[in-house]
C-alpha atoms as a PDB file:
ATOM      1  CA  MET A   1      -4.519  15.294  18.918  1.00  0.00           C
ATOM      2  CA  LEU A   2      -4.086  13.369  15.467  1.00  0.00           C
ATOM      3  CA  ARG A   3      -7.751  14.364  14.859  1.00  0.00           C
ATOM      4  CA  ARG A   4      -7.049  17.801  15.413  1.00  0.00           C
ATOM      5  CA  ILE A   5      -4.262  17.911  13.184  1.00  0.00           C
ATOM      6  CA  ALA A   6      -6.543  15.879  10.887  1.00  0.00           C
ATOM      7  CA  GLY A   7      -9.204  17.993  10.959  1.00  0.00           C
ATOM      8  CA  HIS A   8     -11.526  15.575  11.878  1.00  0.00           C
ATOM      9  CA  GLY A   9     -14.770  16.641  13.327  1.00  0.00           C
ATOM     10  CA  SER A  10     -14.559  13.861  15.763  1.00  0.00           C
ATOM     11  CA  LEU A  11     -12.475  11.119  17.000  1.00  0.00           C
ATOM     12  CA  SER A  12     -14.566   7.569  14.948  1.00  0.00           C
ATOM     13  CA  THR A  13     -13.830  10.070  11.486  1.00  0.00           C
ATOM     14  CA  THR A  14     -10.002   9.291  12.615  1.00  0.00           C
ATOM     15  CA  GLN A  15     -10.400   5.466  13.364  1.00  0.00           C
ATOM     16  CA  ARG A  16     -12.384   5.014  10.331  1.00  0.00           C
ATOM     17  CA  TYR A  17      -9.248   5.945   8.025  1.00  0.00           C
ATOM     18  CA  LEU A  18      -6.502   4.322  10.378  1.00  0.00           C
ATOM     19  CA  ARG A  19      -8.780   0.819  10.033  1.00  0.00           C
ATOM     20  CA  PRO A  20      -6.544  -1.125   7.178  1.00  0.00           C
ATOM     21  CA  ARG A  21      -8.824  -2.533   4.926  1.00  0.00           C
ATOM     22  CA  ILE A  22      -8.048  -5.587   3.769  1.00  0.00           C
ATOM     23  CA  ARG A  23      -8.523  -5.682   0.187  1.00  0.00           C
ATOM     24  CA  LYS A  24      -5.790  -2.760  -0.105  1.00  0.00           C
ATOM     25  CA  ILE A  25      -3.603  -4.009   2.181  1.00  0.00           C
ATOM     26  CA  THR A  26      -4.022  -7.637  -0.511  1.00  0.00           C
ATOM     27  CA  ALA A  27      -3.607  -5.480  -3.484  1.00  0.00           C
ATOM     28  CA  ALA A  28      -0.717  -4.052  -1.690  1.00  0.00           C
ATOM     29  CA  GLU A  29       1.296  -7.184  -0.863  1.00  0.00           C
ATOM     30  CA  ALA A  30       0.162  -8.680  -4.625  1.00  0.00           C
ATOM     31  CA  ALA A  31       2.352  -5.813  -5.951  1.00  0.00           C
ATOM     32  CA  LEU A  32       5.254  -5.754  -3.559  1.00  0.00           C
ATOM     33  CA  SER A  33       5.312  -9.800  -4.429  1.00  0.00           C
ATOM     34  CA  ALA A  34       5.359  -9.379  -8.003  1.00  0.00           C
ATOM     35  CA  HIS A  35       7.939  -5.903  -7.561  1.00  0.00           C
ATOM     36  CA  PHE A  36       9.940  -8.314  -5.799  1.00  0.00           C
ATOM     37  CA  SER A  37      10.061 -11.253  -8.208  1.00  0.00           C
ATOM     38  CA  ALA A  38      10.737  -9.090 -11.339  1.00  0.00           C
ATOM     39  CA  LEU A  39      14.435  -7.905  -9.514  1.00  0.00           C
ATOM     40  CA  ARG A  40      14.984 -11.242  -8.525  1.00  0.00           C
ATOM     41  CA  ALA A  41      14.496 -12.812 -12.441  1.00  0.00           C
ATOM     42  CA  PRO A  42      17.563 -13.377 -14.208  1.00  0.00           C
ATOM     43  CA  ARG A  43      18.544  -9.985 -16.066  1.00  0.00           C
ATOM     44  CA  HIS A  44      17.872 -11.939 -19.954  1.00  0.00           C
ATOM     45  CA  CYS A  45      13.795 -12.600 -18.721  1.00  0.00           C
ATOM     46  CA  ARG A  46      13.522  -9.219 -17.277  1.00  0.00           C
ATOM     47  CA  ALA A  47      11.259  -6.886 -19.563  1.00  0.00           C
ATOM     48  CA  SER A  48      13.390  -3.878 -21.331  1.00  0.00           C
ATOM     49  CA  SER A  49      12.536  -0.405 -20.373  1.00  0.00           C
ATOM     50  CA  PRO A  50      11.325   1.979 -22.980  1.00  0.00           C
END
């Protein structure tokens, strides 16, 4: 069903898009960690926003 919704001709194409890429997962993890670290930082240590 997902293959048809995505408009892929073959199931292998759909599966290729569903497989997580370790580099993308690691980059997302780092971005989230940085975001939450900034939120936990004391107010005086946070960068000022424009």
